[in-house]
Amino acid sequence: MKLRRTLRPAAATTTVALMVGLTACGGSAETEPVSGSGSSSAAAEEVLEMTVARGGVNIENAVLADEQGFFEEEGLDIGEMQLTGMGGAAANSSVISGEFDVAATDAVTVIRAVAEGMPVVAVAGTKSADPDYEGEVSDGIVVPPGSDIKEWADLEGKKIGVPELGGLPHMATMTGLLQNGVDPASVEFVPLPTDALVEAAAKGQVDAVFTFSIFLLSAVDSGFTRVGTGVREFLPNAPQVLWVASKEFAEKNPEALERFHNAIEKGTEYGNGNEEAVRQAYHDHTQLPAPFIDERMVLEPLNVEFDEEGWNTLLQVMKDEGDLREDLTYEEIVWEGAR
């Protein structure tokens, strides 16, 4: 594993690759850190290099932290941000190999990785299922026009399309079925590519689908009907999107991770208070249609902090499904500096 994590003079620069995305995101670090609101005295004197891989969704905390100079304020040189085509499991592998120091991934993938003995830890949050958010729900189960499915009970014996078996949408659907008196064993879950779910329902290949974001909102606009809400109802405060590092990096570089956490927190707070800047970030750094970004995209507040109860809820659901060993704990998964 690469160990480049000693303190660097301010003139040092590096290139940062990024993951899971739709297009490239440009940005460059200044050669000197910006003193002021940095988290440590070292941030005002010397710069730490880090390689960071961001995802293609919930991108605003990383993009805005870069564009607003929050990484520099914290004494970090992250180089130029780009996107790669990795998924969550590949992101975990990339931090273990040392290709990246920190990468964006999803909570379920991290939990399974830790359960399987992979040396990774969650180091900062991005999105959790906030049950108190009062805005439009942008995930959940929808059915095509003319369907006789009106409520959860009507899903018994039906085929439900999900993005992947064992993923967060699948877990939320299983929990919703149980809470509404439907035996999940009576339902056939069909894994389908995310961009094929709605079409599969429209063609009658499945009876209902759990989808999200542009796919769900576009389906509703075209006549699909919502049947069940999503993760924030059935897995409240569960982590969804987060940042991961290798255990080795976390043990050897707590200061670098503390600075990263602070920079991402600043980016999160800035984005939560600046809707126009967030929408512009999606215009600049994704290939989502402009009308969707401007008119339909739901901007739920992001949160860098973790909720232990939310983690434990998700862990218990996964244990109940037989996915995890019973003694796996929140403390094993989340870096101590992020608890």
C-alpha atoms as a PDB file:
ATOM      1  CA  MET A   1       0.000   0.000   0.000  1.00  0.00           C
ATOM      2  CA  LYS A   2       1.270   3.476  -0.808  1.00  0.00           C
ATOM      3  CA  LEU A   3       2.214   5.476   2.264  1.00  0.00           C
ATOM      4  CA  ARG A   4       2.649   9.055   1.105  1.00  0.00           C
ATOM      5  CA  ARG A   5       1.009  10.489   4.161  1.00  0.00           C
ATOM      6  CA  THR A   6       3.853  12.373   5.799  1.00  0.00           C
ATOM      7  CA  LEU A   7       3.530  16.150   6.127  1.00  0.00           C
ATOM      8  CA  ARG A   8       4.339  17.870   2.848  1.00  0.00           C
ATOM      9  CA  PRO A   9       5.608  21.338   2.038  1.00  0.00           C
ATOM     10  CA  ALA A  10       2.880  23.606   0.715  1.00  0.00           C
ATOM     11  CA  ALA A  11       4.201  23.464  -2.845  1.00  0.00           C
ATOM     12  CA  ALA A  12       3.469  19.753  -3.234  1.00  0.00           C
ATOM     13  CA  THR A  13       0.699  18.713  -5.635  1.00  0.00           C
ATOM     14  CA  THR A  14      -0.909  15.421  -6.590  1.00  0.00           C
ATOM     15  CA  THR A  15      -3.570  14.004  -8.883  1.00  0.00           C
ATOM     16  CA  VAL A  16      -6.763  12.631  -7.443  1.00  0.00           C
ATOM     17  CA  ALA A  17      -8.918  10.107  -9.245  1.00  0.00           C
ATOM     18  CA  LEU A  18     -12.595   9.790  -8.401  1.00  0.00           C
ATOM     19  CA  MET A  19     -15.270   7.134  -8.683  1.00  0.00           C
ATOM     20  CA  VAL A  20     -18.752   6.089  -9.508  1.00  0.00           C
ATOM     21  CA  GLY A  21     -19.884   8.824 -11.751  1.00  0.00           C
ATOM     22  CA  LEU A  22     -21.338  10.317 -14.814  1.00  0.00           C
ATOM     23  CA  THR A  23     -18.701  12.811 -15.943  1.00  0.00           C
ATOM     24  CA  ALA A  24     -15.508  14.538 -14.849  1.00  0.00           C
ATOM     25  CA  CYS A  25     -15.229  17.199 -12.200  1.00  0.00           C
ATOM     26  CA  GLY A  26     -12.418  19.712 -12.494  1.00  0.00           C
ATOM     27  CA  GLY A  27     -10.746  21.496  -9.633  1.00  0.00           C
ATOM     28  CA  SER A  28      -7.233  22.147  -8.438  1.00  0.00           C
ATOM     29  CA  ALA A  29      -5.713  22.778  -5.061  1.00  0.00           C
ATOM     30  CA  GLU A  30      -3.841  25.983  -4.333  1.00  0.00           C
ATOM     31  CA  THR A  31      -0.154  25.606  -3.563  1.00  0.00           C
ATOM     32  CA  GLU A  32      -0.570  27.145  -0.106  1.00  0.00           C
ATOM     33  CA  PRO A  33      -3.229  26.377   2.482  1.00  0.00           C
ATOM     34  CA  VAL A  34      -5.708  29.035   3.510  1.00  0.00           C
ATOM     35  CA  SER A  35      -5.403  29.706   7.204  1.00  0.00           C
ATOM     36  CA  GLY A  36      -8.411  30.695   9.241  1.00  0.00           C
ATOM     37  CA  SER A  37     -10.992  28.073  10.103  1.00  0.00           C
ATOM     38  CA  GLY A  38      -8.649  25.088   9.779  1.00  0.00           C
ATOM     39  CA  SER A  39      -8.989  22.364  12.369  1.00  0.00           C
ATOM     40  CA  SER A  40      -5.362  22.314  13.567  1.00  0.00           C
ATOM     41  CA  SER A  41      -2.285  24.500  13.741  1.00  0.00           C
ATOM     42  CA  ALA A  42      -0.593  22.191  11.225  1.00  0.00           C
ATOM     43  CA  ALA A  43      -3.189  23.201   8.635  1.00  0.00           C
ATOM     44  CA  ALA A  44      -1.793  26.731   8.641  1.00  0.00           C
ATOM     45  CA  GLU A  45       1.814  25.547   8.176  1.00  0.00           C
ATOM     46  CA  GLU A  46       1.994  22.403   6.097  1.00  0.00           C
ATOM     47  CA  VAL A  47      -0.220  20.557   3.651  1.00  0.00           C
ATOM     48  CA  LEU A  48      -1.159  16.897   3.649  1.00  0.00           C
ATOM     49  CA  GLU A  49      -1.709  15.168   0.329  1.00  0.00           C
ATOM     50  CA  MET A  50      -4.728  12.917  -0.057  1.00  0.00           C
ATOM     51  CA  THR A  51      -6.270  11.045  -2.969  1.00  0.00           C
ATOM     52  CA  VAL A  52     -10.057  11.133  -2.892  1.00  0.00           C
ATOM     53  CA  ALA A  53     -12.600   9.306  -5.050  1.00  0.00           C
ATOM     54  CA  ARG A  54     -16.050  10.861  -5.102  1.00  0.00           C
ATOM     55  CA  GLY A  55     -19.261   9.319  -6.368  1.00  0.00           C
ATOM     56  CA  GLY A  56     -21.700  10.368  -9.062  1.00  0.00           C
ATOM     57  CA  VAL A  57     -24.661  11.058  -6.753  1.00  0.00           C
ATOM     58  CA  ASN A  58     -24.883  13.251  -3.655  1.00  0.00           C
ATOM     59  CA  ILE A  59     -21.809  14.963  -5.009  1.00  0.00           C
ATOM     60  CA  GLU A  60     -22.278  18.425  -3.596  1.00  0.00           C
ATOM     61  CA  ASN A  61     -20.311  18.135  -0.364  1.00  0.00           C
ATOM     62  CA  ALA A  62     -17.143  17.069  -2.207  1.00  0.00           C
ATOM     63  CA  VAL A  63     -17.581  19.404  -5.188  1.00  0.00           C
ATOM     64  CA  LEU A  64     -18.408  22.449  -3.082  1.00  0.00           C
ATOM     65  CA  ALA A  65     -15.663  21.703  -0.554  1.00  0.00           C
ATOM     66  CA  ASP A  66     -13.254  21.751  -3.487  1.00  0.00           C
ATOM     67  CA  GLU A  67     -14.699  24.783  -5.272  1.00  0.00           C
ATOM     68  CA  GLN A  68     -15.069  26.851  -2.106  1.00  0.00           C
ATOM     69  CA  GLY A  69     -11.521  26.116  -0.944  1.00  0.00           C
ATOM     70  CA  PHE A  70     -12.476  24.172   2.181  1.00  0.00           C
ATOM     71  CA  PHE A  71      -9.886  21.454   1.563  1.00  0.00           C
ATOM     72  CA  GLU A  72      -7.178  24.129   1.377  1.00  0.00           C
ATOM     73  CA  GLU A  73      -8.510  25.757   4.538  1.00  0.00           C
ATOM     74  CA  GLU A  74      -8.015  22.447   6.298  1.00  0.00           C
ATOM     75  CA  GLY A  75      -4.491  22.027   4.961  1.00  0.00           C
ATOM     76  CA  LEU A  76      -5.250  19.330   2.397  1.00  0.00           C
ATOM     77  CA  ASP A  77      -4.025  19.056  -1.189  1.00  0.00           C
ATOM     78  CA  ILE A  78      -6.440  16.783  -3.059  1.00  0.00           C
ATOM     79  CA  GLY A  79      -5.284  17.645  -6.560  1.00  0.00           C
ATOM     80  CA  GLU A  80      -7.714  17.548  -9.479  1.00  0.00           C
ATOM     81  CA  MET A  81     -10.976  15.656  -9.108  1.00  0.00           C
ATOM     82  CA  GLN A  82     -12.033  13.189 -11.807  1.00  0.00           C
ATOM     83  CA  LEU A  83     -14.582  10.408 -12.006  1.00  0.00           C
ATOM     84  CA  THR A  84     -14.042   6.729 -12.627  1.00  0.00           C
ATOM     85  CA  GLY A  85     -16.605   4.001 -13.222  1.00  0.00           C
ATOM     86  CA  MET A  86     -16.270   2.067  -9.964  1.00  0.00           C
ATOM     87  CA  GLY A  87     -19.126   0.714  -7.923  1.00  0.00           C
ATOM     88  CA  GLY A  88     -19.280   0.433  -4.153  1.00  0.00           C
ATOM     89  CA  ALA A  89     -17.369  -2.832  -3.825  1.00  0.00           C
ATOM     90  CA  ALA A  90     -14.626  -1.563  -6.132  1.00  0.00           C
ATOM     91  CA  ALA A  91     -14.386   1.615  -4.059  1.00  0.00           C
ATOM     92  CA  ASN A  92     -13.685  -0.468  -0.970  1.00  0.00           C
ATOM     93  CA  SER A  93     -11.002  -2.410  -2.818  1.00  0.00           C
ATOM     94  CA  SER A  94      -9.442   0.806  -4.098  1.00  0.00           C
ATOM     95  CA  VAL A  95      -8.756   2.160  -0.613  1.00  0.00           C
ATOM     96  CA  ILE A  96      -7.365  -1.175   0.553  1.00  0.00           C
ATOM     97  CA  SER A  97      -4.955  -1.274  -2.392  1.00  0.00           C
ATOM     98  CA  GLY A  98      -3.913   2.341  -1.790  1.00  0.00           C
ATOM     99  CA  GLU A  99      -5.186   3.585  -5.136  1.00  0.00           C
ATOM    100  CA  PHE A 100      -7.220   6.137  -3.158  1.00  0.00           C
ATOM    101  CA  ASP A 101      -6.994   7.262   0.447  1.00  0.00           C
ATOM    102  CA  VAL A 102     -10.708   8.004   0.793  1.00  0.00           C
ATOM    103  CA  ALA A 103     -13.583   6.971  -1.479  1.00  0.00           C
ATOM    104  CA  ALA A 104     -17.348   7.442  -1.638  1.00  0.00           C
ATOM    105  CA  THR A 105     -19.453   4.304  -1.385  1.00  0.00           C
ATOM    106  CA  ASP A 106     -22.712   3.054   0.106  1.00  0.00           C
ATOM    107  CA  ALA A 107     -23.362   1.866   3.636  1.00  0.00           C
ATOM    108  CA  VAL A 108     -24.605  -1.644   2.834  1.00  0.00           C
ATOM    109  CA  THR A 109     -21.485  -2.383   0.795  1.00  0.00           C
ATOM    110  CA  VAL A 110     -19.240  -1.189   3.626  1.00  0.00           C
ATOM    111  CA  ILE A 111     -21.124  -3.226   6.208  1.00  0.00           C
ATOM    112  CA  ARG A 112     -20.790  -6.388   4.134  1.00  0.00           C
ATOM    113  CA  ALA A 113     -17.117  -5.686   3.482  1.00  0.00           C
ATOM    114  CA  VAL A 114     -16.358  -5.359   7.200  1.00  0.00           C
ATOM    115  CA  ALA A 115     -18.422  -8.462   7.944  1.00  0.00           C
ATOM    116  CA  GLU A 116     -16.308 -10.366   5.416  1.00  0.00           C
ATOM    117  CA  GLY A 117     -13.091  -9.213   7.058  1.00  0.00           C
ATOM    118  CA  MET A 118     -12.079  -6.485   4.610  1.00  0.00           C
ATOM    119  CA  PRO A 119      -9.965  -3.839   6.399  1.00  0.00           C
ATOM    120  CA  VAL A 120     -12.107  -0.752   5.727  1.00  0.00           C
ATOM    121  CA  VAL A 121     -13.813   1.812   7.966  1.00  0.00           C
ATOM    122  CA  ALA A 122     -16.457   4.472   7.389  1.00  0.00           C
ATOM    123  CA  VAL A 123     -14.864   7.863   8.046  1.00  0.00           C
ATOM    124  CA  ALA A 124     -17.587  10.436   7.243  1.00  0.00           C
ATOM    125  CA  GLY A 125     -21.200  10.542   6.202  1.00  0.00           C
ATOM    126  CA  THR A 126     -22.851  12.093   3.185  1.00  0.00           C
ATOM    127  CA  LYS A 127     -26.513  11.065   3.181  1.00  0.00           C
ATOM    128  CA  SER A 128     -28.653   9.347   5.782  1.00  0.00           C
ATOM    129  CA  ALA A 129     -32.363   8.554   5.775  1.00  0.00           C
ATOM    130  CA  ASP A 130     -33.692  11.604   7.622  1.00  0.00           C
ATOM    131  CA  PRO A 131     -37.203  10.797   8.924  1.00  0.00           C
ATOM    132  CA  ASP A 132     -37.814  14.455   9.820  1.00  0.00           C
ATOM    133  CA  TYR A 133     -37.286  15.812   6.311  1.00  0.00           C
ATOM    134  CA  GLU A 134     -40.621  17.180   5.125  1.00  0.00           C
ATOM    135  CA  GLY A 135     -39.874  17.532   1.424  1.00  0.00           C
ATOM    136  CA  GLU A 136     -40.984  15.283  -1.403  1.00  0.00           C
ATOM    137  CA  VAL A 137     -39.976  11.642  -1.103  1.00  0.00           C
ATOM    138  CA  SER A 138     -37.699  10.695  -3.986  1.00  0.00           C
ATOM    139  CA  ASP A 139     -37.483   6.941  -3.412  1.00  0.00           C
ATOM    140  CA  GLY A 140     -39.931   4.132  -2.882  1.00  0.00           C
ATOM    141  CA  ILE A 141     -42.260   1.703  -4.643  1.00  0.00           C
ATOM    142  CA  VAL A 142     -44.227   2.733  -7.718  1.00  0.00           C
ATOM    143  CA  VAL A 143     -46.647   0.844  -9.951  1.00  0.00           C
ATOM    144  CA  PRO A 144     -47.606   1.504 -13.587  1.00  0.00           C
ATOM    145  CA  PRO A 145     -50.838   3.164 -14.714  1.00  0.00           C
ATOM    146  CA  GLY A 146     -53.843   0.857 -14.382  1.00  0.00           C
ATOM    147  CA  SER A 147     -52.286  -1.359 -11.711  1.00  0.00           C
ATOM    148  CA  ASP A 148     -54.621  -2.909  -9.152  1.00  0.00           C
ATOM    149  CA  ILE A 149     -51.921  -2.507  -6.492  1.00  0.00           C
ATOM    150  CA  LYS A 150     -53.027   0.305  -4.182  1.00  0.00           C
ATOM    151  CA  GLU A 151     -51.331  -0.457  -0.868  1.00  0.00           C
ATOM    152  CA  TRP A 152     -48.674  -2.639   0.712  1.00  0.00           C
ATOM    153  CA  ALA A 153     -51.079  -5.535   1.288  1.00  0.00           C
ATOM    154  CA  ASP A 154     -51.673  -5.753  -2.459  1.00  0.00           C
ATOM    155  CA  LEU A 155     -47.995  -6.605  -3.016  1.00  0.00           C
ATOM    156  CA  GLU A 156     -48.421 -10.100  -1.590  1.00  0.00           C
ATOM    157  CA  GLY A 157     -47.592 -12.665  -4.255  1.00  0.00           C
ATOM    158  CA  LYS A 158     -46.316 -10.023  -6.690  1.00  0.00           C
ATOM    159  CA  LYS A 159     -43.032  -9.454  -8.483  1.00  0.00           C
ATOM    160  CA  ILE A 160     -41.076  -6.408  -7.282  1.00  0.00           C
ATOM    161  CA  GLY A 161     -38.116  -5.082  -9.224  1.00  0.00           C
ATOM    162  CA  VAL A 162     -35.166  -3.761  -7.208  1.00  0.00           C
ATOM    163  CA  PRO A 163     -31.763  -2.394  -8.257  1.00  0.00           C
ATOM    164  CA  GLU A 164     -29.965  -5.296  -6.567  1.00  0.00           C
ATOM    165  CA  LEU A 165     -30.707  -8.076  -4.145  1.00  0.00           C
ATOM    166  CA  GLY A 166     -29.443  -7.219  -0.681  1.00  0.00           C
ATOM    167  CA  GLY A 167     -29.087  -3.505  -1.399  1.00  0.00           C
ATOM    168  CA  LEU A 168     -30.662  -0.725   0.621  1.00  0.00           C
ATOM    169  CA  PRO A 169     -33.832  -0.518  -1.560  1.00  0.00           C
ATOM    170  CA  HIS A 170     -34.313  -4.267  -1.120  1.00  0.00           C
ATOM    171  CA  MET A 171     -33.824  -3.970   2.649  1.00  0.00           C
ATOM    172  CA  ALA A 172     -36.260  -1.050   2.891  1.00  0.00           C
ATOM    173  CA  THR A 173     -38.872  -2.963   0.876  1.00  0.00           C
ATOM    174  CA  MET A 174     -38.501  -6.073   3.031  1.00  0.00           C
ATOM    175  CA  THR A 175     -38.946  -3.958   6.156  1.00  0.00           C
ATOM    176  CA  GLY A 176     -41.969  -2.175   4.671  1.00  0.00           C
ATOM    177  CA  LEU A 177     -43.614  -5.485   3.814  1.00  0.00           C
ATOM    178  CA  LEU A 178     -43.088  -6.852   7.310  1.00  0.00           C
ATOM    179  CA  GLN A 179     -44.376  -3.691   8.969  1.00  0.00           C
ATOM    180  CA  ASN A 180     -47.488  -3.842   6.795  1.00  0.00           C
ATOM    181  CA  GLY A 181     -48.277  -7.482   7.510  1.00  0.00           C
ATOM    182  CA  VAL A 182     -46.954  -8.991   4.270  1.00  0.00           C
ATOM    183  CA  ASP A 183     -44.651 -12.006   4.377  1.00  0.00           C
ATOM    184  CA  PRO A 184     -41.596 -11.074   2.255  1.00  0.00           C
ATOM    185  CA  ALA A 185     -41.299 -14.742   1.293  1.00  0.00           C
ATOM    186  CA  SER A 186     -44.543 -14.351  -0.654  1.00  0.00           C
ATOM    187  CA  VAL A 187     -42.933 -11.739  -2.907  1.00  0.00           C
ATOM    188  CA  GLU A 188     -40.578 -12.444  -5.791  1.00  0.00           C
ATOM    189  CA  PHE A 189     -37.771  -9.883  -5.913  1.00  0.00           C
ATOM    190  CA  VAL A 190     -36.310  -9.340  -9.367  1.00  0.00           C
ATOM    191  CA  PRO A 191     -32.924  -7.593  -9.655  1.00  0.00           C
ATOM    192  CA  LEU A 192     -32.787  -5.215 -12.623  1.00  0.00           C
ATOM    193  CA  PRO A 193     -30.515  -2.384 -13.780  1.00  0.00           C
ATOM    194  CA  THR A 194     -31.642   0.864 -12.198  1.00  0.00           C
ATOM    195  CA  ASP A 195     -32.398   2.502 -15.530  1.00  0.00           C
ATOM    196  CA  ALA A 196     -34.505  -0.514 -16.614  1.00  0.00           C
ATOM    197  CA  LEU A 197     -36.800  -0.790 -13.599  1.00  0.00           C
ATOM    198  CA  VAL A 198     -39.577   1.551 -14.678  1.00  0.00           C
ATOM    199  CA  GLU A 199     -39.662   0.179 -18.220  1.00  0.00           C
ATOM    200  CA  ALA A 200     -39.898  -3.369 -16.857  1.00  0.00           C
ATOM    201  CA  ALA A 201     -42.957  -2.390 -14.827  1.00  0.00           C
ATOM    202  CA  ALA A 202     -44.512  -0.587 -17.787  1.00  0.00           C
ATOM    203  CA  LYS A 203     -44.120  -3.758 -19.878  1.00  0.00           C
ATOM    204  CA  GLY A 204     -45.583  -6.000 -17.183  1.00  0.00           C
ATOM    205  CA  GLN A 205     -42.360  -7.885 -16.521  1.00  0.00           C
ATOM    206  CA  VAL A 206     -42.710  -6.973 -12.844  1.00  0.00           C
ATOM    207  CA  ASP A 207     -45.712  -5.682 -10.911  1.00  0.00           C
ATOM    208  CA  ALA A 208     -43.952  -2.918  -8.973  1.00  0.00           C
ATOM    209  CA  VAL A 209     -40.481  -1.444  -8.627  1.00  0.00           C
ATOM    210  CA  PHE A 210     -38.459   0.276  -5.942  1.00  0.00           C
ATOM    211  CA  THR A 211     -36.608   3.142  -7.575  1.00  0.00           C
ATOM    212  CA  PHE A 212     -35.330   6.627  -6.759  1.00  0.00           C
ATOM    213  CA  SER A 213     -34.216  10.075  -7.908  1.00  0.00           C
ATOM    214  CA  ILE A 214     -34.808  10.914 -11.573  1.00  0.00           C
ATOM    215  CA  PHE A 215     -36.162   7.419 -12.264  1.00  0.00           C
ATOM    216  CA  LEU A 216     -38.924   7.623  -9.651  1.00  0.00           C
ATOM    217  CA  LEU A 217     -39.851  11.264 -10.230  1.00  0.00           C
ATOM    218  CA  SER A 218     -39.988  10.802 -13.997  1.00  0.00           C
ATOM    219  CA  ALA A 219     -42.146   7.701 -13.536  1.00  0.00           C
ATOM    220  CA  VAL A 220     -44.589   9.601 -11.322  1.00  0.00           C
ATOM    221  CA  ASP A 221     -44.735  12.421 -13.858  1.00  0.00           C
ATOM    222  CA  SER A 222     -45.627   9.873 -16.568  1.00  0.00           C
ATOM    223  CA  GLY A 223     -48.530   8.357 -14.640  1.00  0.00           C
ATOM    224  CA  PHE A 224     -46.984   5.822 -12.265  1.00  0.00           C
ATOM    225  CA  THR A 225     -48.462   5.731  -8.752  1.00  0.00           C
ATOM    226  CA  ARG A 226     -46.599   5.627  -5.463  1.00  0.00           C
ATOM    227  CA  VAL A 227     -47.461   2.705  -3.210  1.00  0.00           C
ATOM    228  CA  GLY A 228     -44.809   2.882  -0.512  1.00  0.00           C
ATOM    229  CA  THR A 229     -42.344   5.472   0.632  1.00  0.00           C
ATOM    230  CA  GLY A 230     -38.703   4.706   0.951  1.00  0.00           C
ATOM    231  CA  VAL A 231     -35.738   4.316   3.214  1.00  0.00           C
ATOM    232  CA  ARG A 232     -36.385   7.224   5.540  1.00  0.00           C
ATOM    233  CA  GLU A 233     -39.738   5.746   6.638  1.00  0.00           C
ATOM    234  CA  PHE A 234     -38.685   2.144   7.126  1.00  0.00           C
ATOM    235  CA  LEU A 235     -34.986   2.533   7.999  1.00  0.00           C
ATOM    236  CA  PRO A 236     -34.969   5.935   9.755  1.00  0.00           C
ATOM    237  CA  ASN A 237     -31.547   7.568  10.113  1.00  0.00           C
ATOM    238  CA  ALA A 238     -29.871   4.640   8.373  1.00  0.00           C
ATOM    239  CA  PRO A 239     -26.667   5.628   6.559  1.00  0.00           C
ATOM    240  CA  GLN A 240     -26.928   5.608   2.777  1.00  0.00           C
ATOM    241  CA  VAL A 241     -23.924   7.267   1.119  1.00  0.00           C
ATOM    242  CA  LEU A 242     -20.645   7.732   2.971  1.00  0.00           C
ATOM    243  CA  TRP A 243     -16.855   7.958   2.782  1.00  0.00           C
ATOM    244  CA  VAL A 244     -14.580   4.994   3.441  1.00  0.00           C
ATOM    245  CA  ALA A 245     -10.849   4.518   4.072  1.00  0.00           C
ATOM    246  CA  SER A 246      -8.659   1.535   4.783  1.00  0.00           C
ATOM    247  CA  LYS A 247      -8.030   0.653   8.413  1.00  0.00           C
ATOM    248  CA  GLU A 248      -4.331   1.102   7.819  1.00  0.00           C
ATOM    249  CA  PHE A 249      -4.764   4.629   6.506  1.00  0.00           C
ATOM    250  CA  ALA A 250      -7.098   5.540   9.365  1.00  0.00           C
ATOM    251  CA  GLU A 251      -4.681   4.235  11.977  1.00  0.00           C
ATOM    252  CA  LYS A 252      -1.651   5.997  10.488  1.00  0.00           C
ATOM    253  CA  ASN A 253      -3.299   9.237   9.384  1.00  0.00           C
ATOM    254  CA  PRO A 254      -5.931  10.381  11.887  1.00  0.00           C
ATOM    255  CA  GLU A 255      -5.008  14.032  11.372  1.00  0.00           C
ATOM    256  CA  ALA A 256      -5.522  13.795   7.608  1.00  0.00           C
ATOM    257  CA  LEU A 257      -8.927  12.181   8.142  1.00  0.00           C
ATOM    258  CA  GLU A 258      -9.892  14.802  10.711  1.00  0.00           C
ATOM    259  CA  ARG A 259      -9.058  17.530   8.198  1.00  0.00           C
ATOM    260  CA  PHE A 260     -10.988  15.701   5.484  1.00  0.00           C
ATOM    261  CA  HIS A 261     -13.991  15.301   7.786  1.00  0.00           C
ATOM    262  CA  ASN A 262     -13.929  19.023   8.595  1.00  0.00           C
ATOM    263  CA  ALA A 263     -13.650  20.049   4.934  1.00  0.00           C
ATOM    264  CA  ILE A 264     -16.520  17.784   3.905  1.00  0.00           C
ATOM    265  CA  GLU A 265     -18.595  19.117   6.801  1.00  0.00           C
ATOM    266  CA  LYS A 266     -18.015  22.668   5.556  1.00  0.00           C
ATOM    267  CA  GLY A 267     -19.005  21.613   2.046  1.00  0.00           C
ATOM    268  CA  THR A 268     -22.113  19.949   3.442  1.00  0.00           C
ATOM    269  CA  GLU A 269     -23.152  23.001   5.433  1.00  0.00           C
ATOM    270  CA  TYR A 270     -22.502  25.299   2.478  1.00  0.00           C
ATOM    271  CA  GLY A 271     -24.572  23.113   0.164  1.00  0.00           C
ATOM    272  CA  ASN A 272     -27.441  22.753   2.629  1.00  0.00           C
ATOM    273  CA  GLY A 273     -27.685  26.538   2.750  1.00  0.00           C
ATOM    274  CA  ASN A 274     -27.136  27.263  -0.958  1.00  0.00           C
ATOM    275  CA  GLU A 275     -29.597  25.437  -3.196  1.00  0.00           C
ATOM    276  CA  GLU A 276     -28.517  27.355  -6.289  1.00  0.00           C
ATOM    277  CA  ALA A 277     -24.894  26.292  -5.797  1.00  0.00           C
ATOM    278  CA  VAL A 278     -25.937  22.650  -5.406  1.00  0.00           C
ATOM    279  CA  ARG A 279     -28.008  22.654  -8.584  1.00  0.00           C
ATOM    280  CA  GLN A 280     -25.129  24.324 -10.417  1.00  0.00           C
ATOM    281  CA  ALA A 281     -22.799  21.582  -9.192  1.00  0.00           C
ATOM    282  CA  TYR A 282     -25.082  19.003 -10.809  1.00  0.00           C
ATOM    283  CA  HIS A 283     -25.193  21.044 -14.018  1.00  0.00           C
ATOM    284  CA  ASP A 284     -21.404  21.238 -14.099  1.00  0.00           C
ATOM    285  CA  HIS A 285     -20.474  17.745 -12.972  1.00  0.00           C
ATOM    286  CA  THR A 286     -23.174  15.320 -14.114  1.00  0.00           C
ATOM    287  CA  GLN A 287     -25.087  14.479 -17.272  1.00  0.00           C
ATOM    288  CA  LEU A 288     -28.508  14.714 -15.632  1.00  0.00           C
ATOM    289  CA  PRO A 289     -30.986  16.620 -17.820  1.00  0.00           C
ATOM    290  CA  ALA A 290     -31.027  20.342 -17.069  1.00  0.00           C
ATOM    291  CA  PRO A 291     -34.841  20.519 -16.662  1.00  0.00           C
ATOM    292  CA  PHE A 292     -34.705  17.737 -14.076  1.00  0.00           C
ATOM    293  CA  ILE A 293     -31.930  19.490 -12.145  1.00  0.00           C
ATOM    294  CA  ASP A 294     -33.732  22.831 -12.163  1.00  0.00           C
ATOM    295  CA  GLU A 295     -37.324  21.721 -11.699  1.00  0.00           C
ATOM    296  CA  ARG A 296     -37.651  18.211 -10.221  1.00  0.00           C
ATOM    297  CA  MET A 297     -34.506  17.106  -8.437  1.00  0.00           C
ATOM    298  CA  VAL A 298     -35.163  16.779  -4.708  1.00  0.00           C
ATOM    299  CA  LEU A 299     -32.334  18.262  -2.665  1.00  0.00           C
ATOM    300  CA  GLU A 300     -32.485  16.531   0.682  1.00  0.00           C
ATOM    301  CA  PRO A 301     -30.061  17.956   3.257  1.00  0.00           C
ATOM    302  CA  LEU A 302     -26.834  16.006   3.573  1.00  0.00           C
ATOM    303  CA  ASN A 303     -25.189  15.218   6.899  1.00  0.00           C
ATOM    304  CA  VAL A 304     -21.559  14.354   7.559  1.00  0.00           C
ATOM    305  CA  GLU A 305     -22.340  12.974  11.030  1.00  0.00           C
ATOM    306  CA  PHE A 306     -23.469   9.423  11.686  1.00  0.00           C
ATOM    307  CA  ASP A 307     -26.462   8.383  13.772  1.00  0.00           C
ATOM    308  CA  GLU A 308     -25.580   5.274  15.785  1.00  0.00           C
ATOM    309  CA  GLU A 309     -29.212   4.260  16.221  1.00  0.00           C
ATOM    310  CA  GLY A 310     -29.722   4.431  12.465  1.00  0.00           C
ATOM    311  CA  TRP A 311     -26.703   2.231  11.911  1.00  0.00           C
ATOM    312  CA  ASN A 312     -27.972  -0.281  14.453  1.00  0.00           C
ATOM    313  CA  THR A 313     -31.396  -0.382  12.780  1.00  0.00           C
ATOM    314  CA  LEU A 314     -29.803  -1.220   9.429  1.00  0.00           C
ATOM    315  CA  LEU A 315     -27.454  -3.747  11.020  1.00  0.00           C
ATOM    316  CA  GLN A 316     -30.353  -5.530  12.699  1.00  0.00           C
ATOM    317  CA  VAL A 317     -32.343  -5.754   9.460  1.00  0.00           C
ATOM    318  CA  MET A 318     -29.333  -7.241   7.693  1.00  0.00           C
ATOM    319  CA  LYS A 319     -28.762  -9.685  10.559  1.00  0.00           C
ATOM    320  CA  ASP A 320     -32.416 -10.713  10.476  1.00  0.00           C
ATOM    321  CA  GLU A 321     -31.980 -11.515   6.791  1.00  0.00           C
ATOM    322  CA  GLY A 322     -28.987 -13.711   7.607  1.00  0.00           C
ATOM    323  CA  ASP A 323     -26.501 -11.431   5.864  1.00  0.00           C
ATOM    324  CA  LEU A 324     -24.297 -10.701   8.862  1.00  0.00           C
ATOM    325  CA  ARG A 325     -22.766 -12.313  11.873  1.00  0.00           C
ATOM    326  CA  GLU A 326     -24.703 -11.452  15.023  1.00  0.00           C
ATOM    327  CA  ASP A 327     -21.789  -9.840  16.850  1.00  0.00           C
ATOM    328  CA  LEU A 328     -20.971  -7.211  14.168  1.00  0.00           C
ATOM    329  CA  THR A 329     -21.134  -3.755  15.767  1.00  0.00           C
ATOM    330  CA  TYR A 330     -21.257  -0.090  14.822  1.00  0.00           C
ATOM    331  CA  GLU A 331     -17.830   0.378  16.428  1.00  0.00           C
ATOM    332  CA  GLU A 332     -16.263  -2.163  14.058  1.00  0.00           C
ATOM    333  CA  ILE A 333     -17.523  -0.311  11.008  1.00  0.00           C
ATOM    334  CA  VAL A 334     -17.131   3.374  11.865  1.00  0.00           C
ATOM    335  CA  TRP A 335     -13.754   5.016  12.482  1.00  0.00           C
ATOM    336  CA  GLU A 336     -13.503   6.322  16.045  1.00  0.00           C
ATOM    337  CA  GLY A 337     -12.965   9.882  14.800  1.00  0.00           C
ATOM    338  CA  ALA A 338     -16.367   9.818  13.087  1.00  0.00           C
ATOM    339  CA  ARG A 339     -18.422   8.431  15.965  1.00  0.00           C
END
